Protein backbone atom coordinates (compact mmCIF):
# COMPACT_ATOMS: atom_id res chain seq x y z
CA UNK A 1 10.54 10.36 -3.01
CA UNK A 2 10.91 8.48 0.25
CA UNK A 3 9.34 6.42 3.00
CA UNK A 4 9.45 7.79 6.52
CA UNK A 5 8.34 5.74 9.52
CA UNK A 6 8.43 7.19 13.01
CA UNK A 7 7.65 5.49 16.33
CA UNK A 8 5.68 2.60 14.80
CA UNK A 9 4.22 0.39 17.54
CA UNK A 10 1.95 -2.64 17.68
CA UNK A 11 1.22 -5.16 20.42
CA UNK A 12 -1.24 -7.99 20.96
CA UNK A 13 -1.65 -7.96 24.71
CA UNK A 14 1.82 -8.61 26.11
CA UNK A 15 3.23 -9.69 22.75
CA UNK A 16 5.01 -6.76 21.09
CA UNK A 17 5.48 -7.09 17.32
CA UNK A 18 6.62 -3.52 16.59
CA UNK A 19 8.38 -1.37 19.16
CA UNK A 20 9.24 2.19 18.11
CA UNK A 21 10.29 1.23 14.57
CA UNK A 22 11.82 4.04 12.51
CA UNK A 23 12.72 3.89 8.82
CA UNK A 24 14.07 6.39 6.29
CA UNK A 25 14.19 4.95 2.79
CA UNK A 26 14.58 6.94 -0.44
CA UNK A 27 13.86 5.71 -3.94
CA UNK A 28 16.81 3.88 -5.43
CA UNK A 29 17.65 2.06 -2.22
CA UNK A 30 16.83 -1.37 -0.81
CA UNK A 31 16.44 -2.01 2.90
CA UNK A 32 16.88 -5.67 3.79
CA UNK A 33 15.08 -7.03 6.86
CA UNK A 34 16.22 -10.11 8.76
CA UNK A 35 15.32 -11.79 12.02
CA UNK A 36 14.09 -15.15 13.30
CA UNK A 37 10.48 -16.28 13.23
CA UNK A 38 8.44 -14.03 15.48
CA UNK A 39 10.83 -11.09 15.16
CA UNK A 40 8.14 -8.86 13.65
CA UNK A 41 9.12 -8.94 9.98
CA UNK A 42 5.72 -9.84 8.56
CA UNK A 43 4.04 -7.58 11.10
CA UNK A 44 6.07 -4.68 9.74
CA UNK A 45 4.66 -5.32 6.27
CA UNK A 46 1.13 -5.66 7.67
CA UNK A 47 1.51 -2.27 9.34
CA UNK A 48 2.94 -0.60 6.24
CA UNK A 49 0.21 -1.93 3.95
CA UNK A 50 -2.59 -1.24 6.42
CA UNK A 51 -3.82 -4.81 6.83
CA UNK A 52 -3.14 -4.30 10.55
CA UNK A 53 -3.69 -0.99 12.34
CA UNK A 54 -0.78 0.42 14.33
CA UNK A 55 -1.19 1.31 17.99
CA UNK A 56 1.02 4.36 17.57
CA UNK A 57 3.42 5.96 15.14
CA UNK A 58 3.44 7.72 11.79
CA UNK A 59 3.98 6.45 8.24
CA UNK A 60 4.47 8.80 5.29
CA UNK A 61 5.29 8.18 1.64
CA UNK A 62 6.49 11.13 -0.42
CA UNK A 63 5.30 13.39 2.37
CA UNK A 64 1.74 12.02 2.33
CA UNK A 65 0.51 10.46 5.56
CA UNK A 66 -0.53 6.81 5.29
CA UNK A 67 -1.34 6.25 8.95
CA UNK A 68 -4.98 5.33 9.42
CA UNK A 69 -5.66 4.77 5.72
CA UNK A 70 -7.18 1.45 4.55
CA UNK A 71 -5.29 -0.99 2.33
CA UNK A 72 -6.81 0.15 -0.97
CA UNK A 73 -6.00 3.81 -0.30
CA UNK A 74 -2.39 2.96 0.50
CA UNK A 75 -2.19 0.89 -2.69
CA UNK A 76 -3.39 3.86 -4.74
CA UNK A 77 -0.78 6.04 -3.04
CA UNK A 78 2.00 3.67 -4.07
CA UNK A 79 2.40 0.83 -1.54
CA UNK A 80 2.70 -2.60 -3.21
CA UNK A 81 3.56 -6.00 -1.76
CA UNK A 82 4.83 -9.19 -3.38
CA UNK A 83 3.98 -12.16 -1.17
CA UNK A 84 6.21 -15.08 -0.21
CA UNK A 85 3.77 -17.59 -1.72
CA UNK A 86 2.70 -16.40 -5.20
CA UNK A 87 -1.05 -15.88 -5.46
CA UNK A 88 -1.91 -15.57 -9.16
CA UNK A 89 -5.34 -15.95 -10.66
CA UNK A 90 -4.43 -19.39 -11.93
CA UNK A 91 -7.00 -19.62 -14.71
CA UNK A 92 -6.14 -16.21 -16.16
CA UNK A 93 -3.26 -15.36 -18.45
CA UNK A 94 -0.07 -13.79 -17.16
CA UNK A 95 -1.07 -10.54 -18.86
CA UNK A 96 -4.55 -10.53 -17.33
CA UNK A 97 -3.05 -11.02 -13.87
CA UNK A 98 -0.91 -7.92 -14.35
CA UNK A 99 -3.85 -6.07 -15.88
CA UNK A 100 -6.00 -6.81 -12.83
CA UNK A 101 -3.30 -5.37 -10.57
CA UNK A 102 -2.98 -2.24 -12.71
CA UNK A 103 -6.75 -1.78 -12.70
CA UNK A 104 -7.74 -2.57 -9.14
CA UNK A 105 -4.61 -1.75 -7.12
CA UNK A 106 -3.28 0.95 -9.42
CA UNK A 107 -6.63 2.50 -10.32
CA UNK A 108 -5.83 2.61 -14.05
CA UNK A 109 -8.34 2.02 -16.83
CA UNK A 110 -8.35 1.08 -20.51
CA UNK A 111 -5.16 1.62 -22.48
CA UNK A 112 -3.31 3.05 -19.48
CA UNK A 113 -3.90 -0.16 -17.53
CA UNK A 114 -2.87 -2.32 -20.49
CA UNK A 115 0.34 -0.34 -20.95
CA UNK A 116 1.16 -0.58 -17.25
CA UNK A 117 0.60 -4.34 -17.33
CA UNK A 118 2.77 -4.81 -20.41
CA UNK A 119 5.56 -2.66 -18.97
CA UNK A 120 5.47 -4.57 -15.68
CA UNK A 121 5.80 -7.89 -17.49
CA UNK A 122 8.71 -6.52 -19.51
CA UNK A 123 10.52 -5.29 -16.42
CA UNK A 124 10.06 -8.62 -14.68
CA UNK A 125 11.13 -10.77 -17.63
CA UNK A 126 7.70 -12.17 -18.47
CA UNK A 127 6.92 -10.39 -21.72
CA UNK A 128 7.25 -13.59 -23.78
CA UNK A 129 4.89 -15.41 -21.41
CA UNK A 130 2.10 -12.83 -21.45
CA UNK A 131 -0.48 -15.18 -22.96
CA UNK A 132 0.41 -18.27 -20.92
CA UNK A 133 -1.91 -19.45 -18.17
CA UNK A 134 -0.57 -18.19 -14.85
CA UNK A 135 -1.31 -21.41 -13.00
CA UNK A 136 0.97 -23.37 -15.33
CA UNK A 137 4.09 -21.28 -14.63
CA UNK A 138 7.07 -22.79 -12.78
CA UNK A 139 7.91 -21.35 -9.35
CA UNK A 140 10.46 -18.74 -10.48
CA UNK A 141 8.06 -17.33 -13.05
CA UNK A 142 5.17 -17.33 -10.58
CA UNK A 143 7.37 -15.27 -8.28
CA UNK A 144 8.24 -12.97 -11.16
CA UNK A 145 4.52 -12.59 -11.83
CA UNK A 146 3.90 -11.77 -8.17
CA UNK A 147 6.44 -8.97 -8.51
CA UNK A 148 5.04 -7.88 -11.89
CA UNK A 149 1.60 -7.50 -10.32
CA UNK A 150 3.13 -5.22 -7.70
CA UNK A 151 4.97 -3.20 -10.37
CA UNK A 152 1.81 -2.92 -12.49
CA UNK A 153 0.04 -1.15 -9.63
CA UNK A 154 2.35 1.86 -10.15
CA UNK A 155 4.10 1.68 -6.77
CA UNK A 156 6.46 4.04 -5.06
CA UNK A 157 7.30 1.51 -2.33
CA UNK A 158 7.86 -2.19 -3.09
CA UNK A 159 7.58 -4.64 -0.19
CA UNK A 160 9.16 -7.99 -1.09
CA UNK A 161 8.36 -10.88 1.22
CA UNK A 162 10.94 -13.68 0.85
CA UNK A 163 10.68 -13.66 -2.93
CA UNK A 164 13.83 -15.81 -3.22
CA UNK A 165 12.51 -18.54 -0.93
CA UNK A 166 12.29 -22.02 -2.46
CA UNK A 167 14.39 -21.16 -5.51
CA UNK A 168 17.52 -22.90 -6.75
CA UNK A 169 20.82 -21.07 -6.39
CA UNK A 170 20.78 -20.12 -10.06
CA UNK A 171 17.22 -18.83 -9.72
CA UNK A 172 18.16 -16.88 -6.59
CA UNK A 173 20.81 -15.08 -8.64
CA UNK A 174 18.20 -14.20 -11.26
CA UNK A 175 15.95 -12.84 -8.52
CA UNK A 176 18.83 -10.79 -7.13
CA UNK A 177 19.36 -9.26 -10.57
CA UNK A 178 15.66 -8.44 -10.88
CA UNK A 179 15.46 -6.80 -7.47
CA UNK A 180 18.61 -4.84 -8.27
CA UNK A 181 16.96 -3.49 -11.41
CA UNK A 182 13.69 -2.65 -9.66
CA UNK A 183 15.34 -0.76 -6.83
CA UNK A 184 16.59 1.79 -9.33
CA UNK A 185 12.98 2.95 -9.77
CA UNK A 186 11.43 2.31 -6.36
CA UNK A 187 12.11 2.29 -2.65
CA UNK A 188 12.36 -1.41 -1.77
CA UNK A 189 12.08 -3.28 1.52
CA UNK A 190 13.05 -6.94 1.18
CA UNK A 191 12.44 -9.52 3.91
CA UNK A 192 14.66 -12.49 3.14
CA UNK A 193 16.33 -15.43 4.89
CA UNK A 194 18.88 -15.98 2.10
CA UNK A 195 21.64 -13.78 3.47
CA UNK A 196 23.88 -13.63 0.41
CA UNK A 197 20.93 -12.48 -1.72
CA UNK A 198 20.31 -9.53 0.58
CA UNK A 199 24.00 -8.77 0.78
CA UNK A 200 24.15 -8.49 -3.01
CA UNK A 201 21.29 -5.98 -3.31
CA UNK A 202 20.53 -4.22 -0.03
CA UNK A 203 22.06 -0.85 0.76
CA UNK A 204 21.31 -1.40 4.45
CA UNK A 205 20.02 -4.29 6.52
CA UNK A 206 17.75 -3.93 9.53
CA UNK A 207 17.74 -6.66 12.16
CA UNK A 208 14.48 -7.15 14.08
CA UNK A 209 14.25 -8.91 17.43
CA UNK A 210 10.93 -9.23 19.30
CA UNK A 211 9.59 -6.25 17.37
CA UNK A 212 12.55 -3.98 18.08
CA UNK A 213 15.20 -2.76 15.70
CA UNK A 214 18.31 -4.41 17.06
CA UNK A 215 20.67 -3.07 14.42
CA UNK A 216 20.67 -1.25 11.09
CA UNK A 217 23.84 -0.86 9.05
CA UNK A 218 25.53 -1.82 5.80
CA UNK A 219 25.20 -5.49 4.79
CA UNK A 220 28.86 -6.12 5.56
CA UNK A 221 28.64 -4.62 9.05
CA UNK A 222 25.42 -6.45 9.87
CA UNK A 223 26.58 -9.84 8.62
CA UNK A 224 29.88 -9.46 10.47
CA UNK A 225 28.19 -8.39 13.70
CA UNK A 226 28.89 -10.80 16.55
CA UNK A 227 25.37 -10.55 17.93
CA UNK A 228 23.81 -11.23 14.52
CA UNK A 229 26.06 -14.23 13.91
CA UNK A 230 25.29 -15.62 17.35
CA UNK A 231 21.55 -14.99 17.59
CA UNK A 232 20.43 -15.34 13.97
CA UNK A 233 23.03 -17.52 12.30
CA UNK A 234 23.99 -19.83 15.14
CA UNK A 235 27.66 -18.84 15.08
CA UNK A 236 29.19 -18.21 18.53
CA UNK A 237 30.34 -14.63 19.01
CA UNK A 238 33.85 -15.83 19.84
CA UNK A 239 34.15 -18.02 16.74
CA UNK A 240 37.10 -17.33 14.50
CA UNK A 241 36.37 -15.13 11.51
């Protein structure tokens, strides 16, 4: 099971947000994505989920072409996204939020949907909160619910959009542990500005710059790269290690 992206391109007039992006990502691995605002990180997720149509390129998941398919078809084929800002149905229970994802994104019905929802809550540490109102959850648990909704949809590819943003350091560590557990079952792409969180989980990190892949390597190699330290972390390339 794997994601393959070849020659993915997108531009808005003269503004290029994806320039010949290529990705190979098997299940059991996490690809971290970093870059400054405007680098093309969110655009990459829009292109993978189908909310934005690519100008060129090919996307395949488990050998099945996704290019040209609408969002709901890609969701049924296993593409799921957890957003940076949690978007629960605030008046519904935690369980019903996961159930809605299993039903509408995952295409499950009846007992199968209920089982998928329960399992997703268990995996994301929310089993004890299943009957609580989603809108009353603290931030960490709302983020867990955002991820549980993605898991309930029966994904093959998990797209995580800054899920550690806004958390305390202790909560970031809990999120790192959760992502580490989830990547054992799925292919994961994680956009994140918290570098040490990515370093703890990602197998590789891809650096985007004006829509182009500037670098892709192990977390250690990327974080130690002079150009990454200078352009993205504000550390001069000639600074002492």
